[in-house]
Structures are given as C-alpha cells and as structure tokens.
N, C-alpha and C. Protein backbone atom coordinates (compact mmCIF):
# COMPACT_ATOMS: atom_id res chain seq x y z
N UNK A 1 150.09 73.76 141.32
CA UNK A 1 149.39 72.87 140.39
C UNK A 1 149.50 73.43 138.98
N UNK A 2 149.73 72.58 138.02
CA UNK A 2 149.87 73.02 136.65
C UNK A 2 148.59 73.71 136.17
N UNK A 3 148.76 74.74 135.35
CA UNK A 3 147.63 75.53 134.88
C UNK A 3 146.61 74.68 134.15
N UNK A 4 147.05 73.67 133.43
CA UNK A 4 146.12 72.87 132.64
C UNK A 4 145.18 72.03 133.51
N UNK A 5 145.49 71.89 134.78
CA UNK A 5 144.63 71.12 135.67
C UNK A 5 143.66 71.98 136.46
N UNK A 6 143.65 73.26 136.23
CA UNK A 6 142.75 74.13 136.98
C UNK A 6 141.29 73.89 136.56
N UNK A 7 140.43 73.86 137.55
CA UNK A 7 139.00 73.68 137.29
C UNK A 7 138.38 75.02 136.90
N UNK A 8 137.30 74.94 136.14
CA UNK A 8 136.56 76.13 135.72
C UNK A 8 135.12 75.99 136.19
N UNK A 9 134.73 76.86 137.11
CA UNK A 9 133.42 76.74 137.74
C UNK A 9 132.62 78.03 137.56
N UNK A 10 131.40 77.89 137.06
CA UNK A 10 130.51 79.04 136.91
C UNK A 10 129.71 79.28 138.18
N UNK A 11 129.29 80.52 138.38
CA UNK A 11 128.46 80.89 139.52
C UNK A 11 127.20 81.58 139.01
N UNK A 12 126.04 80.99 139.30
CA UNK A 12 124.74 81.60 139.02
C UNK A 12 124.12 81.97 140.35
N UNK A 13 124.23 83.23 140.72
CA UNK A 13 123.65 83.68 141.97
C UNK A 13 122.31 84.35 141.73
N UNK A 14 121.51 84.44 142.76
CA UNK A 14 120.23 85.13 142.63
C UNK A 14 119.27 84.74 143.73
N UNK A 15 118.15 85.44 143.78
CA UNK A 15 117.13 85.06 144.75
C UNK A 15 116.37 83.83 144.29
N UNK A 16 116.24 83.64 142.96
CA UNK A 16 115.50 82.50 142.42
C UNK A 16 114.11 82.41 143.08
N UNK A 17 113.34 83.47 142.88
CA UNK A 17 112.08 83.62 143.63
C UNK A 17 110.90 83.87 142.69
N UNK A 18 110.55 82.86 141.82
CA UNK A 18 111.10 81.51 141.73
C UNK A 18 112.14 81.38 140.60
N UNK A 19 112.85 80.24 140.62
CA UNK A 19 113.76 79.90 139.52
C UNK A 19 112.92 79.57 138.28
N UNK A 20 113.46 79.89 137.09
CA UNK A 20 112.70 79.62 135.87
C UNK A 20 113.66 79.22 134.74
N UNK A 21 113.10 78.93 133.57
CA UNK A 21 113.92 78.42 132.47
C UNK A 21 114.97 79.42 132.00
N UNK A 22 114.73 80.70 132.19
CA UNK A 22 115.72 81.70 131.81
C UNK A 22 117.02 81.50 132.57
N UNK A 23 116.90 81.23 133.88
CA UNK A 23 118.10 80.96 134.69
C UNK A 23 118.82 79.70 134.20
N UNK A 24 118.05 78.67 133.91
CA UNK A 24 118.63 77.38 133.52
C UNK A 24 119.32 77.46 132.16
N UNK A 25 118.70 78.16 131.22
CA UNK A 25 119.30 78.31 129.89
C UNK A 25 120.58 79.13 129.97
N UNK A 26 120.57 80.15 130.80
CA UNK A 26 121.76 80.98 131.00
C UNK A 26 122.91 80.13 131.55
N UNK A 27 122.63 79.33 132.57
CA UNK A 27 123.66 78.47 133.15
C UNK A 27 124.18 77.44 132.17
N UNK A 28 123.28 76.86 131.38
CA UNK A 28 123.67 75.83 130.42
C UNK A 28 124.54 76.42 129.30
N UNK A 29 124.18 77.60 128.83
CA UNK A 29 124.97 78.23 127.78
C UNK A 29 126.36 78.63 128.27
N UNK A 30 126.45 79.09 129.51
CA UNK A 30 127.76 79.42 130.08
C UNK A 30 128.62 78.17 130.18
N UNK A 31 128.01 77.07 130.61
CA UNK A 31 128.71 75.79 130.71
C UNK A 31 129.27 75.36 129.36
N UNK A 32 128.45 75.47 128.33
CA UNK A 32 128.86 75.04 127.00
C UNK A 32 129.90 75.97 126.39
N UNK A 33 129.62 77.27 126.41
CA UNK A 33 130.48 78.24 125.71
C UNK A 33 131.88 78.32 126.30
N UNK A 34 132.00 78.21 127.62
CA UNK A 34 133.29 78.42 128.26
C UNK A 34 133.91 77.14 128.80
N UNK A 35 133.33 75.99 128.44
CA UNK A 35 133.91 74.71 128.83
C UNK A 35 134.04 74.56 130.33
N UNK A 36 133.01 74.95 131.06
CA UNK A 36 133.06 74.88 132.52
C UNK A 36 132.93 73.45 133.01
N UNK A 37 133.51 73.17 134.16
CA UNK A 37 133.35 71.85 134.77
C UNK A 37 131.97 71.70 135.40
N UNK A 38 131.46 72.79 135.95
CA UNK A 38 130.11 72.77 136.53
C UNK A 38 129.66 74.21 136.74
N UNK A 39 128.39 74.37 137.06
CA UNK A 39 127.83 75.69 137.39
C UNK A 39 127.18 75.59 138.76
N UNK A 40 127.60 76.44 139.68
CA UNK A 40 127.00 76.50 141.01
C UNK A 40 125.76 77.39 140.97
N UNK A 41 124.62 76.84 141.35
CA UNK A 41 123.40 77.64 141.52
C UNK A 41 123.34 78.03 142.99
N UNK A 42 123.38 79.33 143.25
CA UNK A 42 123.66 79.84 144.58
C UNK A 42 122.53 80.77 145.06
N UNK A 43 121.48 80.20 145.68
CA UNK A 43 120.41 81.06 146.19
C UNK A 43 120.94 81.98 147.30
N UNK A 44 120.58 83.25 147.22
CA UNK A 44 121.02 84.20 148.24
C UNK A 44 120.05 84.16 149.42
N UNK A 45 120.58 84.38 150.60
CA UNK A 45 119.74 84.40 151.78
C UNK A 45 118.96 85.70 151.86
N UNK A 46 119.66 86.76 152.20
CA UNK A 46 119.07 88.09 152.26
C UNK A 46 119.88 89.00 151.34
N UNK A 47 119.53 89.04 150.06
CA UNK A 47 120.35 89.81 149.11
C UNK A 47 120.39 91.29 149.48
N UNK A 48 121.57 91.92 149.40
CA UNK A 48 121.72 93.32 149.81
C UNK A 48 120.78 94.27 149.09
N UNK A 49 120.45 93.98 147.82
CA UNK A 49 119.63 94.90 147.04
C UNK A 49 118.14 94.54 147.07
N UNK A 50 117.77 93.50 147.82
CA UNK A 50 116.36 93.09 147.90
C UNK A 50 116.01 92.76 149.35
N UNK A 51 116.09 93.75 150.21
CA UNK A 51 115.93 93.49 151.63
C UNK A 51 114.47 93.33 152.04
N UNK A 52 113.57 93.93 151.29
CA UNK A 52 112.15 93.82 151.61
C UNK A 52 111.55 92.65 150.84
N UNK A 53 111.19 91.59 151.56
CA UNK A 53 110.78 90.36 150.88
C UNK A 53 109.39 89.90 151.32
N UNK A 54 108.51 90.83 151.66
CA UNK A 54 107.16 90.48 152.06
C UNK A 54 106.43 89.77 150.91
N UNK A 55 105.75 88.67 151.23
CA UNK A 55 104.98 87.95 150.23
C UNK A 55 105.80 87.09 149.31
N UNK A 56 107.04 86.84 149.66
CA UNK A 56 107.92 86.03 148.85
C UNK A 56 108.11 84.65 149.47
N UNK A 57 108.83 83.80 148.76
CA UNK A 57 109.13 82.47 149.27
C UNK A 57 110.20 82.57 150.36
N UNK A 58 110.16 81.62 151.30
CA UNK A 58 111.18 81.58 152.34
C UNK A 58 112.50 81.09 151.75
N UNK A 59 113.56 81.24 152.51
CA UNK A 59 114.86 80.74 152.05
C UNK A 59 114.77 79.24 151.77
N UNK A 60 114.16 78.50 152.69
CA UNK A 60 114.06 77.05 152.53
C UNK A 60 113.27 76.68 151.27
N UNK A 61 112.21 77.42 151.00
CA UNK A 61 111.41 77.15 149.80
C UNK A 61 112.19 77.45 148.53
N UNK A 62 112.94 78.54 148.53
CA UNK A 62 113.73 78.88 147.35
C UNK A 62 114.83 77.86 147.10
N UNK A 63 115.45 77.38 148.17
CA UNK A 63 116.48 76.34 148.03
C UNK A 63 115.86 75.07 147.44
N UNK A 64 114.69 74.71 147.93
CA UNK A 64 114.04 73.49 147.44
C UNK A 64 113.64 73.63 145.97
N UNK A 65 113.19 74.81 145.58
CA UNK A 65 112.84 75.03 144.17
C UNK A 65 114.06 74.89 143.27
N UNK A 66 115.19 75.45 143.70
CA UNK A 66 116.42 75.33 142.90
C UNK A 66 116.85 73.87 142.82
N UNK A 67 116.80 73.18 143.96
CA UNK A 67 117.20 71.77 143.98
C UNK A 67 116.36 70.95 143.00
N UNK A 68 115.07 71.20 142.96
CA UNK A 68 114.19 70.47 142.05
C UNK A 68 114.46 70.85 140.60
N UNK A 69 114.76 72.12 140.37
CA UNK A 69 114.97 72.59 138.99
C UNK A 69 116.22 71.99 138.35
N UNK A 70 117.25 71.74 139.15
CA UNK A 70 118.54 71.31 138.58
C UNK A 70 118.83 69.83 138.81
N UNK A 71 117.87 69.10 139.40
CA UNK A 71 118.14 67.73 139.85
C UNK A 71 118.53 66.77 138.72
N UNK A 72 118.12 67.05 137.49
CA UNK A 72 118.42 66.11 136.40
C UNK A 72 119.59 66.58 135.53
N UNK A 73 120.33 67.59 136.00
CA UNK A 73 121.48 68.08 135.23
C UNK A 73 122.76 67.82 136.04
N UNK A 74 123.61 66.88 135.60
CA UNK A 74 124.77 66.49 136.39
C UNK A 74 125.83 67.58 136.56
N UNK A 75 125.83 68.60 135.68
CA UNK A 75 126.83 69.66 135.86
C UNK A 75 126.26 70.93 136.48
N UNK A 76 125.04 70.87 136.99
CA UNK A 76 124.49 71.94 137.81
C UNK A 76 124.56 71.49 139.27
N UNK A 77 125.07 72.36 140.13
CA UNK A 77 125.29 72.00 141.54
C UNK A 77 124.66 73.06 142.43
N UNK A 78 123.93 72.62 143.44
CA UNK A 78 123.34 73.54 144.42
C UNK A 78 124.40 73.94 145.43
N UNK A 79 124.58 75.24 145.64
CA UNK A 79 125.52 75.75 146.63
C UNK A 79 124.76 76.58 147.66
N UNK A 80 124.99 76.30 148.93
CA UNK A 80 124.31 77.02 150.01
C UNK A 80 125.22 78.03 150.69
N UNK A 81 126.31 78.39 150.03
CA UNK A 81 127.30 79.28 150.65
C UNK A 81 126.72 80.66 150.99
N UNK A 82 125.69 81.10 150.24
CA UNK A 82 125.11 82.42 150.49
C UNK A 82 123.76 82.34 151.19
N UNK A 83 123.39 81.16 151.62
CA UNK A 83 122.06 80.97 152.21
C UNK A 83 122.11 81.18 153.71
N UNK A 84 121.80 82.39 154.14
CA UNK A 84 121.82 82.73 155.56
C UNK A 84 120.46 83.28 155.98
N UNK A 85 120.04 82.94 157.19
CA UNK A 85 118.82 83.51 157.75
C UNK A 85 119.06 84.97 158.16
N UNK A 86 120.25 85.24 158.68
CA UNK A 86 120.56 86.58 159.20
C UNK A 86 121.75 87.18 158.45
N UNK A 87 121.71 88.48 158.27
CA UNK A 87 122.82 89.16 157.63
C UNK A 87 122.76 89.05 156.11
N UNK A 88 123.62 89.82 155.47
CA UNK A 88 123.64 89.90 154.01
C UNK A 88 124.98 89.40 153.49
N UNK A 89 124.95 88.71 152.39
CA UNK A 89 126.17 88.18 151.80
C UNK A 89 126.48 88.97 150.53
N UNK A 90 127.72 89.40 150.41
CA UNK A 90 128.16 90.14 149.23
C UNK A 90 129.01 89.25 148.35
N UNK A 91 128.97 89.51 147.04
CA UNK A 91 129.68 88.69 146.07
C UNK A 91 131.17 88.59 146.39
N UNK A 92 131.79 89.70 146.78
CA UNK A 92 133.21 89.70 147.10
C UNK A 92 133.51 88.71 148.23
N UNK A 93 132.67 88.69 149.26
CA UNK A 93 132.88 87.79 150.39
C UNK A 93 132.77 86.33 149.95
N UNK A 94 131.78 86.05 149.11
CA UNK A 94 131.58 84.68 148.61
C UNK A 94 132.79 84.23 147.79
N UNK A 95 133.26 85.08 146.89
CA UNK A 95 134.39 84.72 146.05
C UNK A 95 135.67 84.54 146.86
N UNK A 96 135.85 85.37 147.88
CA UNK A 96 137.03 85.24 148.75
C UNK A 96 137.03 83.88 149.43
N UNK A 97 135.88 83.49 149.94
CA UNK A 97 135.78 82.19 150.62
C UNK A 97 136.00 81.03 149.64
N UNK A 98 135.37 81.11 148.47
CA UNK A 98 135.49 80.03 147.49
C UNK A 98 136.92 79.85 147.01
N UNK A 99 137.60 80.95 146.71
CA UNK A 99 138.96 80.84 146.19
C UNK A 99 139.92 80.37 147.27
N UNK A 100 139.66 80.70 148.53
CA UNK A 100 140.50 80.22 149.62
C UNK A 100 140.32 78.71 149.81
N UNK A 101 139.07 78.26 149.69
CA UNK A 101 138.78 76.83 149.88
C UNK A 101 139.17 75.98 148.68
N UNK A 102 139.21 76.61 147.49
CA UNK A 102 139.48 75.86 146.25
C UNK A 102 140.53 76.59 145.41
N UNK A 103 141.79 76.59 145.86
CA UNK A 103 142.83 77.33 145.15
C UNK A 103 143.14 76.80 143.75
N UNK A 104 142.61 75.62 143.42
CA UNK A 104 142.85 75.04 142.09
C UNK A 104 141.75 75.38 141.10
N UNK A 105 140.86 76.33 141.46
CA UNK A 105 139.67 76.61 140.65
C UNK A 105 139.62 78.06 140.19
N UNK A 106 139.26 78.28 138.94
CA UNK A 106 138.98 79.61 138.40
C UNK A 106 137.47 79.78 138.35
N UNK A 107 136.97 80.91 138.83
CA UNK A 107 135.54 81.14 138.90
C UNK A 107 135.07 82.12 137.83
N UNK A 108 133.87 81.82 137.31
CA UNK A 108 133.24 82.62 136.25
C UNK A 108 131.88 83.06 136.75
N UNK A 109 131.74 84.36 137.01
CA UNK A 109 130.51 84.89 137.59
C UNK A 109 129.57 85.31 136.48
N UNK A 110 128.40 84.69 136.42
CA UNK A 110 127.43 84.92 135.34
C UNK A 110 126.48 86.05 135.74
N UNK A 111 126.35 87.03 134.88
CA UNK A 111 125.48 88.17 135.18
C UNK A 111 124.81 88.69 133.91
N UNK A 112 123.74 89.44 134.09
CA UNK A 112 123.09 90.10 132.97
C UNK A 112 123.74 91.44 132.69
N UNK A 113 123.49 91.96 131.49
CA UNK A 113 124.08 93.25 131.12
C UNK A 113 123.65 94.35 132.08
N UNK A 114 122.42 94.29 132.58
CA UNK A 114 121.94 95.31 133.51
C UNK A 114 122.80 95.34 134.78
N UNK A 115 123.25 94.16 135.21
CA UNK A 115 124.09 94.10 136.41
C UNK A 115 125.46 94.74 136.16
N UNK A 116 125.97 94.59 134.93
CA UNK A 116 127.27 95.19 134.64
C UNK A 116 127.19 96.71 134.68
N UNK A 117 126.07 97.28 134.23
CA UNK A 117 125.91 98.73 134.28
C UNK A 117 125.84 99.23 135.73
N UNK A 118 125.36 98.37 136.65
CA UNK A 118 125.27 98.75 138.06
C UNK A 118 126.48 98.28 138.87
N UNK A 119 127.45 97.69 138.19
CA UNK A 119 128.54 96.98 138.87
C UNK A 119 129.32 97.86 139.84
N UNK A 120 129.52 99.12 139.50
CA UNK A 120 130.32 99.98 140.37
C UNK A 120 129.61 100.35 141.67
N UNK A 121 128.31 100.07 141.74
CA UNK A 121 127.59 100.30 143.00
C UNK A 121 127.67 99.09 143.92
N UNK A 122 128.21 97.97 143.43
CA UNK A 122 128.37 96.78 144.24
C UNK A 122 129.49 97.01 145.26
N UNK A 123 129.48 96.23 146.31
CA UNK A 123 130.53 96.32 147.32
C UNK A 123 131.84 95.73 146.77
N UNK A 124 132.89 96.53 146.81
CA UNK A 124 134.24 96.11 146.40
C UNK A 124 134.31 95.52 144.99
N UNK A 125 133.95 96.32 143.98
CA UNK A 125 134.04 95.83 142.61
C UNK A 125 135.45 95.41 142.21
N UNK A 126 136.46 96.11 142.76
CA UNK A 126 137.84 95.73 142.44
C UNK A 126 138.14 94.32 142.93
N UNK A 127 137.70 94.01 144.14
CA UNK A 127 137.93 92.68 144.70
C UNK A 127 137.25 91.60 143.89
N UNK A 128 136.05 91.89 143.38
CA UNK A 128 135.33 90.92 142.55
C UNK A 128 136.11 90.65 141.27
N UNK A 129 136.60 91.72 140.63
CA UNK A 129 137.35 91.57 139.38
C UNK A 129 138.65 90.80 139.61
N UNK A 130 139.24 90.96 140.78
CA UNK A 130 140.48 90.26 141.08
C UNK A 130 140.27 88.75 141.23
N UNK A 131 139.05 88.35 141.58
CA UNK A 131 138.81 86.97 141.97
C UNK A 131 138.07 86.12 140.95
N UNK A 132 137.56 86.72 139.87
CA UNK A 132 136.79 85.93 138.91
C UNK A 132 136.77 86.59 137.54
N UNK A 133 136.28 85.85 136.57
CA UNK A 133 135.96 86.39 135.25
C UNK A 133 134.46 86.67 135.21
N UNK A 134 134.08 87.81 134.70
CA UNK A 134 132.66 88.16 134.57
C UNK A 134 132.15 87.70 133.21
N UNK A 135 131.08 86.91 133.22
CA UNK A 135 130.41 86.50 131.99
C UNK A 135 129.12 87.30 131.87
N UNK A 136 129.05 88.14 130.85
CA UNK A 136 127.93 89.06 130.72
C UNK A 136 126.98 88.61 129.62
N UNK A 137 125.74 88.34 130.00
CA UNK A 137 124.72 87.93 129.04
C UNK A 137 124.03 89.16 128.46
N UNK A 138 124.05 89.27 127.15
CA UNK A 138 123.43 90.41 126.48
C UNK A 138 121.93 90.18 126.41
N UNK A 139 121.16 91.20 126.75
CA UNK A 139 119.70 91.08 126.77
C UNK A 139 119.07 92.01 125.76
N UNK A 140 117.83 91.69 125.37
CA UNK A 140 117.08 92.56 124.47
C UNK A 140 116.94 93.95 125.10
N UNK A 141 116.99 94.95 124.27
CA UNK A 141 116.81 96.30 124.77
C UNK A 141 118.09 96.94 125.26
N UNK A 142 119.19 96.19 125.28
CA UNK A 142 120.47 96.74 125.71
C UNK A 142 121.24 97.22 124.49
N UNK A 143 121.62 98.48 124.49
CA UNK A 143 122.37 99.05 123.38
C UNK A 143 123.77 98.45 123.35
N UNK A 144 124.11 97.81 122.21
CA UNK A 144 125.39 97.11 122.10
C UNK A 144 126.57 98.05 122.27
N UNK A 145 126.46 99.24 121.70
CA UNK A 145 127.56 100.21 121.80
C UNK A 145 127.78 100.63 123.25
N UNK A 146 126.68 100.88 123.96
CA UNK A 146 126.79 101.27 125.37
C UNK A 146 127.37 100.14 126.22
N UNK A 147 126.97 98.91 125.90
CA UNK A 147 127.49 97.77 126.64
C UNK A 147 128.99 97.61 126.41
N UNK A 148 129.41 97.74 125.16
CA UNK A 148 130.83 97.63 124.85
C UNK A 148 131.64 98.71 125.57
N UNK A 149 131.07 99.91 125.66
CA UNK A 149 131.75 101.00 126.38
C UNK A 149 131.86 100.66 127.87
N UNK A 150 130.80 100.08 128.44
CA UNK A 150 130.84 99.72 129.86
C UNK A 150 131.85 98.61 130.13
N UNK A 151 131.89 97.63 129.23
CA UNK A 151 132.87 96.55 129.36
C UNK A 151 134.28 97.12 129.33
N UNK A 152 134.54 98.00 128.37
CA UNK A 152 135.86 98.63 128.25
C UNK A 152 136.20 99.44 129.50
N UNK A 153 135.20 100.15 130.04
CA UNK A 153 135.41 100.96 131.24
C UNK A 153 135.80 100.09 132.43
N UNK A 154 135.07 99.00 132.65
CA UNK A 154 135.35 98.11 133.78
C UNK A 154 136.71 97.44 133.59
N UNK A 155 137.02 97.06 132.36
CA UNK A 155 138.31 96.43 132.09
C UNK A 155 139.46 97.38 132.41
N UNK A 156 139.33 98.63 132.02
CA UNK A 156 140.41 99.60 132.23
C UNK A 156 140.51 100.02 133.70
N UNK A 157 139.39 100.28 134.34
CA UNK A 157 139.41 100.79 135.71
C UNK A 157 139.80 99.73 136.72
N UNK A 158 139.29 98.49 136.52
CA UNK A 158 139.52 97.44 137.52
C UNK A 158 140.37 96.28 136.99
N UNK A 159 140.88 96.44 135.76
CA UNK A 159 141.62 95.34 135.11
C UNK A 159 140.79 94.06 135.12
N UNK A 160 139.49 94.23 134.89
CA UNK A 160 138.56 93.10 134.94
C UNK A 160 138.65 92.20 133.73
N UNK A 161 138.43 90.93 133.96
CA UNK A 161 138.33 89.95 132.87
C UNK A 161 136.84 89.76 132.58
N UNK A 162 136.42 90.19 131.39
CA UNK A 162 135.00 90.18 131.04
C UNK A 162 134.82 89.50 129.70
N UNK A 163 133.88 88.59 129.62
CA UNK A 163 133.55 87.90 128.38
C UNK A 163 132.05 88.03 128.13
N UNK A 164 131.68 88.18 126.86
CA UNK A 164 130.26 88.20 126.51
C UNK A 164 129.74 86.77 126.43
N UNK A 165 128.57 86.55 126.97
CA UNK A 165 127.94 85.24 126.96
C UNK A 165 126.85 85.22 125.89
N UNK A 166 127.04 84.38 124.89
CA UNK A 166 126.05 84.24 123.82
C UNK A 166 124.93 83.33 124.29
N UNK A 167 123.75 83.86 124.44
CA UNK A 167 122.64 83.05 124.94
C UNK A 167 121.34 83.60 124.39
N UNK A 168 120.34 82.74 124.15
CA UNK A 168 119.05 83.24 123.70
C UNK A 168 118.44 84.20 124.72
N UNK A 169 117.77 85.21 124.24
CA UNK A 169 117.10 86.14 125.14
C UNK A 169 115.77 85.54 125.60
N UNK A 170 115.71 85.15 126.84
CA UNK A 170 114.48 84.62 127.42
C UNK A 170 113.94 85.69 128.37
N UNK A 171 113.01 86.47 127.87
CA UNK A 171 112.52 87.61 128.64
C UNK A 171 111.45 87.17 129.64
N UNK A 172 111.90 86.48 130.68
CA UNK A 172 111.01 86.05 131.75
C UNK A 172 111.56 86.64 133.04
N UNK A 173 110.69 87.17 133.87
CA UNK A 173 111.15 87.66 135.16
C UNK A 173 110.42 86.90 136.27
N UNK A 174 111.11 86.73 137.38
CA UNK A 174 110.48 86.08 138.54
C UNK A 174 109.28 86.89 139.02
N UNK A 175 109.39 88.21 138.91
CA UNK A 175 108.28 89.08 139.33
C UNK A 175 107.03 88.79 138.50
N UNK A 176 107.21 88.64 137.18
CA UNK A 176 106.06 88.34 136.31
C UNK A 176 105.46 86.98 136.64
N UNK A 177 106.32 86.01 136.97
CA UNK A 177 105.81 84.68 137.30
C UNK A 177 105.06 84.69 138.62
N UNK A 178 105.48 85.49 139.57
CA UNK A 178 104.72 85.60 140.83
C UNK A 178 103.33 86.16 140.55
N UNK A 179 103.24 87.11 139.62
CA UNK A 179 101.93 87.65 139.23
C UNK A 179 101.10 86.57 138.55
N UNK A 180 101.73 85.74 137.69
CA UNK A 180 101.04 84.62 137.05
C UNK A 180 100.40 83.72 138.11
N UNK A 181 101.16 83.43 139.13
CA UNK A 181 100.69 82.51 140.18
C UNK A 181 99.50 83.11 140.92
N UNK A 182 99.59 84.39 141.26
CA UNK A 182 98.48 85.05 141.96
C UNK A 182 97.22 85.06 141.10
N UNK A 183 97.42 85.12 139.77
CA UNK A 183 96.28 85.13 138.83
C UNK A 183 95.86 83.72 138.42
N UNK A 184 96.52 82.73 139.00
CA UNK A 184 96.22 81.31 138.73
C UNK A 184 96.41 80.95 137.26
N UNK A 185 97.42 81.56 136.64
CA UNK A 185 97.75 81.24 135.25
C UNK A 185 98.72 80.07 135.20
N UNK A 186 98.79 79.41 134.07
CA UNK A 186 99.65 78.24 133.91
C UNK A 186 101.13 78.61 133.97
N UNK A 187 101.92 77.74 134.60
CA UNK A 187 103.37 77.91 134.67
C UNK A 187 104.09 76.97 133.69
N UNK A 188 103.32 76.23 132.93
CA UNK A 188 103.91 75.26 132.01
C UNK A 188 104.89 75.95 131.04
N UNK A 189 106.04 75.33 130.89
CA UNK A 189 107.14 75.78 130.02
C UNK A 189 107.92 76.97 130.58
N UNK A 190 107.43 77.60 131.63
CA UNK A 190 108.18 78.69 132.25
C UNK A 190 109.23 78.17 133.23
N UNK A 191 109.00 76.96 133.74
CA UNK A 191 109.90 76.37 134.73
C UNK A 191 109.73 74.86 134.70
N UNK A 192 110.68 74.10 135.25
CA UNK A 192 110.50 72.64 135.30
C UNK A 192 109.22 72.27 136.04
N UNK A 193 108.57 71.21 135.59
CA UNK A 193 107.31 70.79 136.19
C UNK A 193 107.45 70.54 137.69
N UNK A 194 108.59 70.01 138.11
CA UNK A 194 108.79 69.71 139.54
C UNK A 194 108.72 70.97 140.38
N UNK A 195 109.16 72.09 139.83
CA UNK A 195 109.10 73.36 140.57
C UNK A 195 107.66 73.87 140.61
N UNK A 196 106.96 73.79 139.50
CA UNK A 196 105.57 74.24 139.45
C UNK A 196 104.69 73.44 140.42
N UNK A 197 104.93 72.14 140.48
CA UNK A 197 104.17 71.27 141.40
C UNK A 197 104.44 71.68 142.84
N UNK A 198 105.70 71.93 143.16
CA UNK A 198 106.07 72.33 144.53
C UNK A 198 105.41 73.65 144.91
N UNK A 199 105.41 74.62 143.99
CA UNK A 199 104.77 75.91 144.25
C UNK A 199 103.28 75.73 144.51
N UNK A 200 102.66 74.89 143.68
CA UNK A 200 101.22 74.66 143.82
C UNK A 200 100.89 73.95 145.13
N UNK A 201 101.65 72.91 145.44
CA UNK A 201 101.38 72.12 146.64
C UNK A 201 101.54 72.96 147.92
N UNK A 202 102.50 73.87 147.92
CA UNK A 202 102.78 74.65 149.12
C UNK A 202 102.17 76.06 149.06
N UNK A 203 101.41 76.31 147.99
CA UNK A 203 100.70 77.59 147.82
C UNK A 203 101.64 78.79 147.97
N UNK A 204 102.85 78.65 147.45
CA UNK A 204 103.83 79.74 147.53
C UNK A 204 103.36 80.88 146.61
N UNK A 205 103.48 82.09 147.09
CA UNK A 205 103.11 83.33 146.40
C UNK A 205 101.60 83.56 146.35
N UNK A 206 100.80 82.56 146.64
CA UNK A 206 99.35 82.78 146.61
C UNK A 206 98.75 82.70 148.01
N UNK A 207 99.62 82.63 149.01
CA UNK A 207 99.14 82.57 150.38
C UNK A 207 98.57 83.91 150.83
C-alpha cells in the first residue's frame, strides 16, 4: 500500500480509574498535533505495574466510564484489546497484535514524561520502539534538560521514534479523584458529567 494511504492511530492506555479531563485533553492534543485518524482509549485489565487493586473500580466499571467519557467525540474509540480478567497485558504484546491485524496503520503511543524515564524497565522496550512512535507529554516539574537527555538516550539505544507532545499541564491524578469521592467532594469539571453520574449511581470508590 502506498505510504500516503497509511493510517495514523494514537493509543491512550491506562487503568482510567477513573478517567478524567487530563486523559481527554491529552488524547485530543495528540490527535490535533500529529494529524491522527483516531485515538484508541485502551483500558488495561490487570496492568503489570498496578497488580494490587483493592478498593478500585472493576474492569467492567472502568470500561463503562471510558465509554461514557468519549461517547461524544467521533475520533475517540474504545478498544478492549487489553481488557482481560486474568493475566497481564504488556505494551509490546498489544502493539504486535495491532500491527499484525492492521498492517496499513502506523501507531503513536501517548505517554507522560515520567513513563519515558521508566521506559527501560518496561518489558521489551526495543520491541515497543520498533512498532510505534512514542509521543511524550511534558509535565510540570519535569526538568527539560533531563527529558531531552532521556529522549536522546532512548533514540540512540533503541533507534526509537520519539516526538514531544505539546499539551496543557492538567495536574489531576486518578488517585486524588478517588480521595475526592471518598470525601464526597464535587467532581464537576474534573471529568465528563456522564462519568460522575455513573460513579455516584454505582457508589464506585465509596463502597
């Protein structure tokens, strides 16, 4: 297939426990800046680095929250490729499956700067670099010089394709929002209303 017809698809992976406006703004900015055809929102089933999930939302609840959060955006797509009840899914495995199923597509993996600093601890970083472009969102508190050095290091060691993602810094964490919910504080403007209503109706995080 001619290069000009290749699709460009972003990947926003995470536990989304719960999903919030920071995730959505990150996905939207990646879509705009890199001319993506769509962004896959990919809730993880049992993420390798977050195996202890006591007091958290179930897989089904997290999937439903993501579905509600992105329902009015035509270029955001829910992907269940990493949603498993048993076992852990690694990024390399997901990318291998996606590229095999969609050989006409180039993938852009969206991550925060903190993830890039931990990238070499991930399973098969070389394989990940071979299969996608890394889009790195710069966050407050991250030293620009150190980030540039890390980008250069990953590029040289793994021949990685890395691009900086220009996006507003939305310093919201899912952990902080879970605390908000336990304290019965308002979730307005932190997430789409449909997600807040679902959390309230099902008493997620406050059970």
